Amino acid sequence: MTAHTPDDLLAATVDGTLSEADRHAVETHLRTCARCRDQVEAAGRARAVLKALPAELAPPIEVAAAVAARIGSGRATVVARPAA
């Protein structure tokens, strides 16, 4: 049975924040452990997808204008979310 690299070291591998010694140890382990290698690869893909997202998502201009109009007219209402 192979001892697996702790999750915090795998995460630091993806983040690129490992010390030289830890990086070498993790890279050595990843050469022979498909489970840990798969985790690092999946985390790397997830990180890339998240980095590709815009920093902020703005609503379409029509939505922003409609909200501003309702607030300005005093017609804004609060809609309660139905109980689950």
Foldseek 3Di string as FASTA:
>chain_A
DDDDDDPVLLVCQLVVNDDPVSVVVNVVVLVPDVVSVVVSVVVNVVVVVVVPDDPDDDDPPVVVVVVVVCVVVVNDDDDDDDDD
